[in-house]
Amino acid sequence: MKQTILVTGGTGFIGSHTTVELQEAGYEVVIVDNLSNSKIEVLDGIEKITGIRPAFEQVDLRDKAATEAVFKKYPKIEGIIHFAASKAVGESVEKPLVYYRNNIVSLVNLLELMPEYGVKGIIFSSSCTVYGQPTEENLPVTEQAPIQKALSPNGNTKQINEEIIADYIHSGAPIKSIVLRYFNPIGAHPTALIGELPLGVPMNLIPFVTQTAIGVRKQLKIFGNDYNTPDGTCIRDYIYVVDLAKAHVKAMTRVLDQDGDALEYFNIGTGRGLSTLEVVEGFEKATGVKLNWEFAPRREGDIEKVWGNVDKANKVLGWKAETPVEDVLASAWKWQLKLREDGVM
């Protein structure tokens, strides 16, 4: 009997790749998305890769009645993977109330409905932003590292949502949860049928790199070259989106079918930090495309260096990031070329 999983934000970047991996692992998937930051055509890509078109409902999770209608329509939902959220750091500073309403109300609605409809577990899409700038002795950062004051409303919603889940489970709610703290997801599916498609000017490094390489953007700016790092540029842990998606399948199996604590936290990354300059040079090497780039002043809110200790995910979930970074960067370029071929960008 196939288990049914609700994937919120399932037409987004990570949600679409996770849907593919869930379907290929034998799960039935129901996607809920309001399409505020994604396109319905993503379902075509998922179907081409897996041969299965997931069920889809265009619903805004802030609307509790509409959300409840999904559980009524699909009574076999056993688990939820919750991606749906606004996520741009800069925008969250400008529109904090939008972020608090979108990101918190949607989770509260789901949590309230779970026991009512027999949903056993929820995987929450969190972020390494909860660690802020770890001290040197806390690098690579473990799940036990101190949670630091968030630098943006977006980061704060991740922390608040983690606390909401912890408080709810502590109150005796009959659910389990795994909180996955991602580092920096990059790349695209090897088929180039799904990938990252930011609306407007990209906020993340890799889409800006690929758009510069293909001529959509004139120049890539590397913000800051005077950080306390080997080459002066910021260091991040870049995780391949397909490897990240597979971590969700492992986490869902653990929540639904294995013995574990009611609430668990896992870092999902490679365990290795790469500087911005290393990524740019790695992209040029992987693709043979020269980038037009220059250094620019530091950008407010950027963390100097952070990468994860992922031993817990390796041991407990039996998951590991395995894709070489050269292949990941090449996949992002292949996706960009496909977007050009399709007349999207």
Protein backbone atom coordinates (compact mmCIF):
# COMPACT_ATOMS: atom_id res chain seq x y z
CA MET A 1 0.00 0.00 0.00
CA LYS A 2 1.56 3.28 -1.11
CA GLN A 3 1.67 5.97 1.56
CA THR A 4 0.36 9.39 0.57
CA ILE A 5 2.45 12.48 1.30
CA LEU A 6 1.29 16.10 1.12
CA VAL A 7 4.04 18.34 -0.28
CA THR A 8 3.32 22.01 0.32
CA GLY A 9 5.12 24.35 -2.07
CA GLY A 10 5.63 21.32 -4.30
CA THR A 11 5.99 23.25 -7.55
CA GLY A 12 8.91 25.24 -6.10
CA PHE A 13 12.63 24.53 -6.49
CA ILE A 14 13.17 22.06 -3.63
CA GLY A 15 9.55 20.89 -3.55
CA SER A 16 9.54 19.75 -7.17
CA HIS A 17 12.80 17.78 -6.79
CA THR A 18 11.50 16.20 -3.58
CA THR A 19 8.25 15.21 -5.30
CA VAL A 20 10.30 13.41 -7.96
CA GLU A 21 12.30 11.50 -5.34
CA LEU A 22 9.18 10.62 -3.33
CA GLN A 23 7.40 9.27 -6.40
CA GLU A 24 10.46 7.30 -7.44
CA ALA A 25 10.60 5.82 -3.91
CA GLY A 26 6.99 4.61 -4.26
CA TYR A 27 5.05 7.31 -2.41
CA GLU A 28 1.85 8.92 -3.69
CA VAL A 29 2.19 12.71 -3.69
CA VAL A 30 -0.39 15.46 -3.36
CA ILE A 31 1.04 18.93 -4.06
CA VAL A 32 -0.47 22.08 -2.59
CA ASP A 33 0.86 25.40 -3.91
CA ASN A 34 -0.62 28.86 -4.41
CA LEU A 35 1.75 29.44 -7.38
CA SER A 36 2.86 32.80 -5.97
CA ASN A 37 6.50 31.99 -6.74
CA SER A 38 6.35 29.04 -9.12
CA LYS A 39 4.71 27.86 -12.33
CA ILE A 40 2.12 25.16 -12.94
CA GLU A 41 4.25 23.86 -15.86
CA VAL A 42 6.62 22.35 -13.29
CA LEU A 43 4.09 19.49 -13.05
CA ASP A 44 4.88 18.64 -16.69
CA GLY A 45 8.57 18.28 -15.82
CA ILE A 46 7.80 16.05 -12.83
CA GLU A 47 5.57 13.87 -15.00
CA LYS A 48 8.19 13.56 -17.76
CA ILE A 49 10.84 12.44 -15.24
CA THR A 50 8.74 9.97 -13.24
CA GLY A 51 5.91 9.00 -15.58
CA ILE A 52 3.47 10.09 -12.85
CA ARG A 53 1.63 13.39 -12.61
CA PRO A 54 1.18 14.21 -8.92
CA ALA A 55 -2.22 15.34 -7.68
CA PHE A 56 -2.26 19.15 -7.47
CA GLU A 57 -4.40 21.63 -5.57
CA GLN A 58 -3.96 25.39 -5.93
CA VAL A 59 -4.54 26.43 -2.34
CA ASP A 60 -3.27 29.19 -0.08
CA LEU A 61 -2.41 27.55 3.24
CA ARG A 62 -3.32 30.71 5.14
CA ASP A 63 -6.93 29.81 4.28
CA LYS A 64 -7.73 27.13 6.83
CA ALA A 65 -11.03 26.06 5.27
CA ALA A 66 -9.39 25.59 1.86
CA THR A 67 -6.53 23.68 3.52
CA GLU A 68 -8.96 21.43 5.38
CA ALA A 69 -10.74 20.70 2.09
CA VAL A 70 -7.49 19.14 0.83
CA PHE A 71 -7.42 16.68 3.77
CA LYS A 72 -11.08 15.85 3.15
CA LYS A 73 -10.43 15.21 -0.53
CA TYR A 74 -7.32 13.09 0.13
CA PRO A 75 -8.11 11.18 3.36
CA LYS A 76 -5.10 8.87 3.04
CA ILE A 77 -2.46 11.60 3.65
CA GLU A 78 -0.08 10.22 6.31
CA GLY A 79 2.79 12.69 6.18
CA ILE A 80 3.48 16.31 5.24
CA ILE A 81 6.63 17.92 3.88
CA HIS A 82 6.21 21.64 4.45
CA PHE A 83 8.14 23.84 2.01
CA ALA A 84 5.54 26.52 1.32
CA ALA A 85 6.88 29.85 2.56
CA SER A 86 8.03 33.25 1.41
CA LYS A 87 11.82 33.17 1.46
CA ALA A 88 13.58 36.33 0.17
CA VAL A 89 15.65 37.87 2.96
CA GLY A 90 15.61 41.41 1.55
CA GLU A 91 11.88 41.40 0.86
CA SER A 92 11.21 40.14 4.39
CA VAL A 93 12.95 43.23 5.80
CA GLU A 94 10.71 45.46 3.67
CA LYS A 95 7.48 43.48 4.27
CA PRO A 96 7.82 41.76 7.64
CA LEU A 97 4.09 41.28 8.28
CA VAL A 98 3.64 39.52 4.93
CA TYR A 99 6.33 37.05 5.99
CA TYR A 100 4.95 36.48 9.47
CA ARG A 101 1.46 35.87 8.12
CA ASN A 102 2.54 33.65 5.21
CA ASN A 103 5.10 31.56 7.03
CA ILE A 104 3.56 31.17 10.46
CA VAL A 105 -0.20 30.99 9.84
CA SER A 106 0.26 28.29 7.18
CA LEU A 107 2.19 26.05 9.61
CA VAL A 108 -0.29 26.57 12.46
CA ASN A 109 -3.17 25.61 10.17
CA LEU A 110 -1.41 22.40 9.11
CA LEU A 111 -0.50 21.43 12.69
CA GLU A 112 -4.08 21.98 13.90
CA LEU A 113 -5.48 19.80 11.11
CA MET A 114 -2.98 16.92 11.42
CA PRO A 115 -4.49 15.05 14.41
CA GLU A 116 -8.01 15.65 13.12
CA TYR A 117 -7.20 13.85 9.85
CA GLY A 118 -4.85 11.18 11.20
CA VAL A 119 -1.66 12.67 9.73
CA LYS A 120 1.27 11.12 11.60
CA GLY A 121 4.26 13.31 10.83
CA ILE A 122 5.61 16.52 9.33
CA ILE A 123 9.03 17.33 7.88
CA PHE A 124 9.73 21.04 8.31
CA SER A 125 11.92 22.89 5.85
CA SER A 126 14.22 24.96 8.07
CA SER A 127 17.58 26.60 7.45
CA CYS A 128 21.12 26.99 8.71
CA THR A 129 20.22 30.69 9.17
CA VAL A 130 19.04 29.69 12.66
CA TYR A 131 22.72 29.38 13.64
CA GLY A 132 23.59 32.94 12.53
CA GLN A 133 27.37 33.42 12.38
CA PRO A 134 28.77 30.53 14.40
CA THR A 135 31.89 31.13 16.48
CA GLU A 136 35.11 29.46 15.32
CA GLU A 137 34.76 26.69 17.92
CA ASN A 138 31.28 25.90 16.55
CA LEU A 139 32.46 25.35 12.96
CA PRO A 140 31.49 23.08 11.33
CA VAL A 141 28.17 23.78 13.00
CA THR A 142 26.33 20.90 14.71
CA GLU A 143 22.65 20.61 15.62
CA GLN A 144 23.61 21.46 19.21
CA ALA A 145 25.12 24.85 18.29
CA PRO A 146 23.40 27.86 19.87
CA ILE A 147 20.45 29.36 17.99
CA GLN A 148 21.31 33.01 17.39
CA LYS A 149 19.11 36.05 16.94
CA ALA A 150 17.85 36.09 13.37
CA LEU A 151 19.18 38.78 11.03
CA SER A 152 15.90 39.10 9.09
CA PRO A 153 12.17 38.47 9.51
CA ASN A 154 12.58 35.56 7.06
CA GLY A 155 15.16 33.90 9.31
CA ASN A 156 13.06 34.70 12.35
CA THR A 157 10.05 32.86 10.90
CA LYS A 158 12.22 29.71 10.63
CA GLN A 159 13.15 30.00 14.30
CA ILE A 160 9.58 30.75 15.39
CA ASN A 161 8.21 27.82 13.36
CA GLU A 162 10.77 25.46 14.90
CA GLU A 163 9.61 26.66 18.35
CA ILE A 164 5.92 26.25 17.41
CA ILE A 165 6.52 22.61 16.37
CA ALA A 166 8.52 21.92 19.57
CA ASP A 167 5.84 23.49 21.78
CA TYR A 168 3.04 21.60 20.03
CA ILE A 169 4.76 18.22 20.38
CA HIS A 170 5.68 19.02 24.00
CA SER A 171 1.99 19.67 24.68
CA GLY A 172 1.26 16.04 23.83
CA ALA A 173 0.11 16.38 20.22
CA PRO A 174 -0.01 12.90 18.62
CA ILE A 175 2.41 13.72 15.81
CA LYS A 176 6.10 13.34 15.01
CA SER A 177 8.33 15.87 13.30
CA ILE A 178 11.77 16.08 11.75
CA VAL A 179 13.23 19.54 11.25
CA LEU A 180 15.75 19.68 8.41
CA ARG A 181 18.15 22.62 8.55
CA TYR A 182 19.40 23.08 5.00
CA PHE A 183 22.55 24.79 3.96
CA ASN A 184 22.61 26.26 0.40
CA PRO A 185 20.65 24.21 -2.17
CA ILE A 186 21.96 24.51 -5.75
CA GLY A 187 21.84 22.75 -9.12
CA ALA A 188 19.03 21.17 -11.13
CA HIS A 189 17.71 17.72 -11.97
CA PRO A 190 20.12 15.89 -14.33
CA THR A 191 17.37 15.72 -16.98
CA ALA A 192 17.14 19.56 -16.97
CA LEU A 193 13.35 19.14 -16.85
CA ILE A 194 13.07 20.93 -13.48
CA GLY A 195 15.35 23.42 -11.74
CA GLU A 196 15.54 26.77 -9.99
CA LEU A 197 13.52 29.51 -11.68
CA PRO A 198 13.56 32.67 -9.57
CA LEU A 199 11.12 35.40 -10.52
CA GLY A 200 12.91 38.69 -11.20
CA VAL A 201 16.52 39.35 -10.19
CA PRO A 202 17.96 36.26 -8.46
CA MET A 203 18.85 36.56 -4.78
CA ASN A 204 20.93 33.36 -4.80
CA LEU A 205 24.42 32.97 -6.23
CA ILE A 206 23.98 30.13 -8.74
CA PRO A 207 21.03 31.52 -10.74
CA PHE A 208 22.91 34.82 -10.95
CA VAL A 209 26.01 32.96 -12.16
CA THR A 210 24.12 31.05 -14.87
CA GLN A 211 22.15 34.11 -15.97
CA THR A 212 25.40 36.08 -16.26
CA ALA A 213 27.00 33.24 -18.21
CA ILE A 214 24.17 33.21 -20.74
CA GLY A 215 23.93 37.02 -21.01
CA VAL A 216 20.70 37.74 -19.13
CA ARG A 217 22.74 39.65 -16.54
CA LYS A 218 25.66 41.87 -17.58
CA GLN A 219 27.91 41.16 -14.64
CA LEU A 220 28.14 39.11 -11.48
CA LYS A 221 29.10 41.01 -8.35
CA ILE A 222 30.93 39.16 -5.58
CA PHE A 223 30.02 41.01 -2.40
CA GLY A 224 33.12 41.52 -0.27
CA ASN A 225 36.70 40.30 -0.69
CA ASP A 226 37.99 41.30 2.73
CA TYR A 227 36.37 38.65 4.92
CA ASN A 228 38.42 36.54 7.31
CA THR A 229 38.55 33.59 4.90
CA PRO A 230 41.39 32.14 2.78
CA ASP A 231 40.47 34.15 -0.35
CA GLY A 232 38.51 36.96 1.36
CA THR A 233 35.08 35.88 0.05
CA CYS A 234 32.19 34.36 2.03
CA ILE A 235 32.11 30.63 2.64
CA ARG A 236 28.96 28.48 2.38
CA ASP A 237 28.02 24.81 2.34
CA TYR A 238 26.44 24.19 -1.09
CA ILE A 239 24.20 21.13 -1.23
CA TYR A 240 22.92 19.58 -4.49
CA VAL A 241 19.14 19.92 -4.61
CA VAL A 242 18.70 16.26 -5.67
CA ASP A 243 20.78 15.05 -2.71
CA LEU A 244 18.72 17.37 -0.49
CA ALA A 245 15.48 15.94 -1.92
CA LYS A 246 16.67 12.41 -1.10
CA ALA A 247 17.21 13.47 2.52
CA HIS A 248 13.47 14.24 2.72
CA VAL A 249 12.61 10.71 1.58
CA LYS A 250 14.86 9.26 4.31
CA ALA A 251 13.34 11.63 6.88
CA MET A 252 9.78 10.71 5.86
CA THR A 253 10.56 6.99 6.14
CA ARG A 254 11.92 7.62 9.64
CA VAL A 255 8.91 9.67 10.74
CA LEU A 256 6.31 7.22 9.44
CA ASP A 257 7.95 3.80 9.78
CA GLN A 258 10.82 3.88 12.28
CA ASP A 259 11.28 4.38 15.99
CA GLY A 260 12.69 7.78 16.79
CA ASP A 261 12.04 10.69 19.09
CA ALA A 262 8.85 12.68 18.48
CA LEU A 263 11.01 15.64 17.42
CA GLU A 264 14.44 15.45 15.75
CA TYR A 265 16.75 17.96 14.07
CA PHE A 266 19.20 17.28 11.24
CA ASN A 267 21.67 19.44 9.33
CA ILE A 268 21.50 18.76 5.60
CA GLY A 269 24.67 19.83 3.80
CA THR A 270 27.93 18.46 2.45
CA GLY A 271 30.04 19.14 5.52
CA ARG A 272 32.38 21.23 3.39
CA GLY A 273 32.59 24.99 2.90
CA LEU A 274 33.24 26.61 -0.48
CA SER A 275 34.01 30.28 -0.98
CA THR A 276 32.10 32.40 -3.47
CA LEU A 277 35.27 32.68 -5.55
CA GLU A 278 35.75 28.89 -5.52
CA VAL A 279 32.19 28.44 -6.79
CA VAL A 280 32.70 30.97 -9.61
CA GLU A 281 35.99 29.37 -10.64
CA GLY A 282 34.43 25.90 -10.29
CA PHE A 283 31.59 26.90 -12.59
CA GLU A 284 34.03 28.15 -15.23
CA LYS A 285 35.99 24.89 -15.00
CA ALA A 286 32.89 22.66 -15.09
CA THR A 287 31.31 24.42 -18.08
CA GLY A 288 34.18 26.04 -19.98
CA VAL A 289 32.25 29.35 -19.84
CA LYS A 290 34.08 32.50 -18.66
CA LEU A 291 32.09 34.77 -16.36
CA ASN A 292 32.12 38.56 -16.33
CA TRP A 293 32.45 39.32 -12.63
CA GLU A 294 33.91 41.89 -10.26
CA PHE A 295 34.25 42.44 -6.53
CA ALA A 296 31.72 44.76 -4.87
CA PRO A 297 31.37 46.08 -1.31
CA ARG A 298 30.05 43.76 1.37
CA ARG A 299 26.29 43.24 1.45
CA GLU A 300 24.41 43.88 4.69
CA GLY A 301 23.28 40.76 6.50
CA ASP A 302 25.71 38.35 4.82
CA ILE A 303 27.27 35.79 7.15
CA GLU A 304 31.04 35.43 6.78
CA LYS A 305 31.33 31.67 6.90
CA VAL A 306 29.14 28.72 7.77
CA TRP A 307 29.18 25.05 6.87
CA GLY A 308 27.60 22.04 8.50
CA ASN A 309 28.60 19.05 10.52
CA VAL A 310 26.34 16.42 8.93
CA ASP A 311 27.46 13.34 10.88
CA LYS A 312 24.02 12.96 12.51
CA ALA A 313 22.18 12.83 9.15
CA ASN A 314 24.81 10.41 7.81
CA LYS A 315 24.46 8.04 10.77
CA VAL A 316 20.82 8.30 11.85
CA LEU A 317 19.08 8.90 8.50
CA GLY A 318 21.58 6.84 6.49
CA TRP A 319 21.86 9.77 4.09
CA LYS A 320 24.90 11.40 2.51
CA ALA A 321 25.50 14.16 -0.04
CA GLU A 322 27.30 12.29 -2.81
CA THR A 323 27.29 14.41 -5.97
CA PRO A 324 30.61 16.12 -6.90
CA VAL A 325 30.31 19.91 -7.00
CA GLU A 326 31.52 19.98 -10.63
CA ASP A 327 28.51 17.85 -11.64
CA VAL A 328 26.18 20.06 -9.59
CA LEU A 329 27.43 23.26 -11.27
CA ALA A 330 27.20 21.60 -14.70
CA SER A 331 23.58 20.63 -13.96
CA ALA A 332 22.73 24.27 -13.19
CA TRP A 333 24.21 25.33 -16.54
CA LYS A 334 22.36 22.57 -18.41
CA TRP A 335 19.12 23.84 -16.85
CA GLN A 336 19.90 27.43 -17.89
CA LEU A 337 20.56 26.27 -21.47
CA LYS A 338 17.21 24.43 -21.45
CA LEU A 339 15.44 27.60 -20.29
CA ARG A 340 17.04 29.46 -23.24
CA GLU A 341 16.08 26.69 -25.64
CA ASP A 342 12.47 26.84 -24.39
CA GLY A 343 12.40 30.63 -24.76
CA VAL A 344 11.92 31.17 -21.02
CA MET A 345 15.17 33.04 -20.34
